[in-house]
Amino acid sequence: MEGDRGAPFDGKQTEINERMRAIGSILVDFLDGISGNEKLTDGLEDQIRATMSGIDVEYGGKQSAISSY
């Protein structure tokens, strides 16, 4: 911007641009965190499901450590 008012405007515009860049960086980090969490959750859910389906409920009930008391 030209004239006497140009410098304050340019300064404020620069400040706004820097803050928008910082907000954008925070948003990118947030979205990366969500994406990473979804990948971890998907794999973990499959692992838990596989472990749970491998448990023999009948065997555990008959051979419980508490049964000996």
N, C-alpha and C. Protein backbone atom coordinates (compact mmCIF):
# COMPACT_ATOMS: atom_id res chain seq x y z
N MET A 1 0.86 -1.17 0.00
CA MET A 1 0.00 0.00 0.00
C MET A 1 0.90 1.23 0.00
N GLU A 2 0.46 2.29 -0.60
CA GLU A 2 1.27 3.50 -0.74
C GLU A 2 0.82 4.56 0.24
N GLY A 3 1.71 5.53 0.50
CA GLY A 3 1.35 6.67 1.32
C GLY A 3 1.70 6.46 2.78
N ASP A 4 1.21 7.42 3.59
CA ASP A 4 1.51 7.43 5.02
C ASP A 4 0.89 6.24 5.74
N ARG A 5 -0.23 5.76 5.25
CA ARG A 5 -0.94 4.66 5.92
C ARG A 5 -0.47 3.28 5.46
N GLY A 6 0.41 3.24 4.50
CA GLY A 6 0.85 1.97 3.93
C GLY A 6 1.65 1.11 4.89
N ALA A 7 2.54 1.71 5.65
CA ALA A 7 3.40 0.94 6.55
C ALA A 7 2.61 0.23 7.65
N PRO A 8 1.67 0.92 8.33
CA PRO A 8 0.89 0.19 9.35
C PRO A 8 0.04 -0.93 8.75
N PHE A 9 -0.50 -0.69 7.57
CA PHE A 9 -1.30 -1.74 6.91
C PHE A 9 -0.43 -2.94 6.58
N ASP A 10 0.73 -2.69 5.99
CA ASP A 10 1.64 -3.77 5.62
C ASP A 10 2.08 -4.55 6.86
N GLY A 11 2.35 -3.84 7.94
CA GLY A 11 2.75 -4.51 9.19
C GLY A 11 1.65 -5.41 9.72
N LYS A 12 0.43 -4.88 9.71
CA LYS A 12 -0.71 -5.68 10.20
C LYS A 12 -0.97 -6.87 9.28
N GLN A 13 -0.85 -6.67 7.97
CA GLN A 13 -1.06 -7.76 7.03
C GLN A 13 -0.01 -8.86 7.24
N THR A 14 1.22 -8.47 7.49
CA THR A 14 2.28 -9.43 7.76
C THR A 14 1.97 -10.22 9.04
N GLU A 15 1.51 -9.54 10.07
CA GLU A 15 1.13 -10.19 11.32
C GLU A 15 0.00 -11.21 11.10
N ILE A 16 -1.00 -10.82 10.34
CA ILE A 16 -2.12 -11.72 10.04
C ILE A 16 -1.62 -12.94 9.26
N ASN A 17 -0.78 -12.72 8.29
CA ASN A 17 -0.24 -13.83 7.48
C ASN A 17 0.55 -14.81 8.35
N GLU A 18 1.36 -14.30 9.26
CA GLU A 18 2.15 -15.16 10.14
C GLU A 18 1.24 -15.97 11.07
N ARG A 19 0.21 -15.35 11.58
CA ARG A 19 -0.72 -16.07 12.46
C ARG A 19 -1.50 -17.14 11.68
N MET A 20 -1.89 -16.82 10.46
CA MET A 20 -2.59 -17.81 9.63
C MET A 20 -1.67 -18.99 9.32
N ARG A 21 -0.40 -18.72 9.07
CA ARG A 21 0.57 -19.78 8.81
C ARG A 21 0.70 -20.68 10.05
N ALA A 22 0.74 -20.07 11.24
CA ALA A 22 0.83 -20.84 12.49
C ALA A 22 -0.42 -21.69 12.70
N ILE A 23 -1.59 -21.13 12.43
CA ILE A 23 -2.84 -21.89 12.56
C ILE A 23 -2.84 -23.05 11.57
N GLY A 24 -2.38 -22.80 10.35
CA GLY A 24 -2.31 -23.87 9.35
C GLY A 24 -1.39 -24.98 9.79
N SER A 25 -0.27 -24.64 10.40
CA SER A 25 0.68 -25.64 10.89
C SER A 25 0.06 -26.48 12.01
N ILE A 26 -0.66 -25.82 12.91
CA ILE A 26 -1.35 -26.54 13.99
C ILE A 26 -2.39 -27.49 13.41
N LEU A 27 -3.12 -27.04 12.41
CA LEU A 27 -4.14 -27.88 11.78
C LEU A 27 -3.52 -29.10 11.11
N VAL A 28 -2.40 -28.90 10.42
CA VAL A 28 -1.71 -30.02 9.78
C VAL A 28 -1.28 -31.05 10.82
N ASP A 29 -0.70 -30.58 11.93
CA ASP A 29 -0.29 -31.49 13.01
C ASP A 29 -1.49 -32.24 13.57
N PHE A 30 -2.60 -31.55 13.76
CA PHE A 30 -3.82 -32.16 14.28
C PHE A 30 -4.33 -33.24 13.34
N LEU A 31 -4.39 -32.93 12.05
CA LEU A 31 -4.88 -33.90 11.07
C LEU A 31 -3.94 -35.09 10.94
N ASP A 32 -2.63 -34.85 11.04
CA ASP A 32 -1.67 -35.96 11.02
C ASP A 32 -1.88 -36.86 12.23
N GLY A 33 -2.16 -36.26 13.39
CA GLY A 33 -2.42 -37.04 14.59
C GLY A 33 -3.66 -37.88 14.46
N ILE A 34 -4.71 -37.33 13.89
CA ILE A 34 -5.95 -38.09 13.68
C ILE A 34 -5.69 -39.24 12.71
N SER A 35 -4.99 -38.97 11.65
CA SER A 35 -4.70 -40.01 10.65
C SER A 35 -3.88 -41.12 11.27
N GLY A 36 -2.87 -40.77 12.05
CA GLY A 36 -2.05 -41.78 12.71
C GLY A 36 -2.83 -42.60 13.71
N ASN A 37 -3.75 -41.95 14.41
CA ASN A 37 -4.58 -42.64 15.40
C ASN A 37 -5.52 -43.62 14.73
N GLU A 38 -6.08 -43.25 13.58
CA GLU A 38 -6.98 -44.16 12.86
C GLU A 38 -6.23 -45.40 12.40
N LYS A 39 -5.01 -45.23 11.93
CA LYS A 39 -4.21 -46.37 11.48
C LYS A 39 -3.88 -47.28 12.66
N LEU A 40 -3.52 -46.68 13.79
CA LEU A 40 -3.20 -47.46 14.98
C LEU A 40 -4.44 -48.19 15.48
N THR A 41 -5.56 -47.51 15.51
CA THR A 41 -6.80 -48.11 16.00
C THR A 41 -7.23 -49.27 15.12
N ASP A 42 -7.16 -49.11 13.80
CA ASP A 42 -7.56 -50.18 12.89
C ASP A 42 -6.74 -51.44 13.13
N GLY A 43 -5.44 -51.31 13.19
CA GLY A 43 -4.57 -52.45 13.41
C GLY A 43 -4.79 -53.06 14.79
N LEU A 44 -4.96 -52.22 15.78
CA LEU A 44 -5.16 -52.69 17.14
C LEU A 44 -6.49 -53.42 17.27
N GLU A 45 -7.51 -52.90 16.62
CA GLU A 45 -8.83 -53.55 16.67
C GLU A 45 -8.76 -54.95 16.08
N ASP A 46 -8.07 -55.10 14.97
CA ASP A 46 -7.92 -56.43 14.35
C ASP A 46 -7.14 -57.37 15.25
N GLN A 47 -6.11 -56.85 15.89
CA GLN A 47 -5.30 -57.66 16.79
C GLN A 47 -6.12 -58.11 18.01
N ILE A 48 -6.89 -57.21 18.57
CA ILE A 48 -7.74 -57.56 19.72
C ILE A 48 -8.78 -58.59 19.32
N ARG A 49 -9.40 -58.40 18.16
CA ARG A 49 -10.41 -59.33 17.69
C ARG A 49 -9.81 -60.73 17.51
N ALA A 50 -8.60 -60.81 16.94
CA ALA A 50 -7.94 -62.10 16.73
C ALA A 50 -7.62 -62.76 18.07
N THR A 51 -7.16 -61.97 19.03
CA THR A 51 -6.84 -62.52 20.35
C THR A 51 -8.09 -63.00 21.06
N MET A 52 -9.15 -62.21 21.00
CA MET A 52 -10.40 -62.58 21.68
C MET A 52 -11.02 -63.83 21.06
N SER A 53 -10.94 -63.97 19.75
CA SER A 53 -11.53 -65.15 19.12
C SER A 53 -10.72 -66.40 19.41
N GLY A 54 -9.46 -66.24 19.84
CA GLY A 54 -8.63 -67.39 20.15
C GLY A 54 -8.78 -67.89 21.59
N ILE A 55 -9.58 -67.21 22.39
CA ILE A 55 -9.76 -67.61 23.78
C ILE A 55 -10.82 -68.70 23.86
N ASP A 56 -10.47 -69.79 24.52
CA ASP A 56 -11.41 -70.90 24.71
C ASP A 56 -12.14 -70.68 26.03
N VAL A 57 -13.35 -70.24 25.94
CA VAL A 57 -14.13 -69.89 27.13
C VAL A 57 -14.43 -71.14 27.96
N GLU A 58 -14.73 -72.23 27.35
CA GLU A 58 -15.05 -73.46 28.08
C GLU A 58 -13.86 -73.94 28.90
N TYR A 59 -12.69 -73.93 28.30
CA TYR A 59 -11.49 -74.39 28.99
C TYR A 59 -11.18 -73.48 30.19
N GLY A 60 -11.30 -72.18 29.98
CA GLY A 60 -11.00 -71.24 31.05
C GLY A 60 -11.91 -71.41 32.25
N GLY A 61 -13.16 -71.72 32.02
CA GLY A 61 -14.11 -71.90 33.12
C GLY A 61 -13.83 -73.12 33.96
N LYS A 62 -13.40 -74.21 33.36
CA LYS A 62 -13.14 -75.46 34.08
C LYS A 62 -11.81 -75.41 34.81
N GLN A 63 -10.85 -74.72 34.27
CA GLN A 63 -9.50 -74.74 34.82
C GLN A 63 -9.14 -73.44 35.52
N SER A 64 -10.10 -72.69 35.99
CA SER A 64 -9.83 -71.41 36.64
C SER A 64 -9.05 -71.59 37.92
N ALA A 65 -8.12 -70.70 38.18
CA ALA A 65 -7.33 -70.75 39.40
C ALA A 65 -8.21 -70.56 40.62
N ILE A 66 -9.31 -69.87 40.47
CA ILE A 66 -10.23 -69.63 41.60
C ILE A 66 -10.99 -70.89 41.96
N SER A 67 -11.16 -71.83 41.04
CA SER A 67 -11.89 -73.05 41.29
C SER A 67 -11.26 -73.91 42.39
N SER A 68 -9.96 -73.78 42.59
CA SER A 68 -9.27 -74.63 43.57
C SER A 68 -9.52 -74.19 45.01
N TYR A 69 -10.14 -73.07 45.22
CA TYR A 69 -10.38 -72.61 46.60
C TYR A 69 -11.63 -73.16 47.13
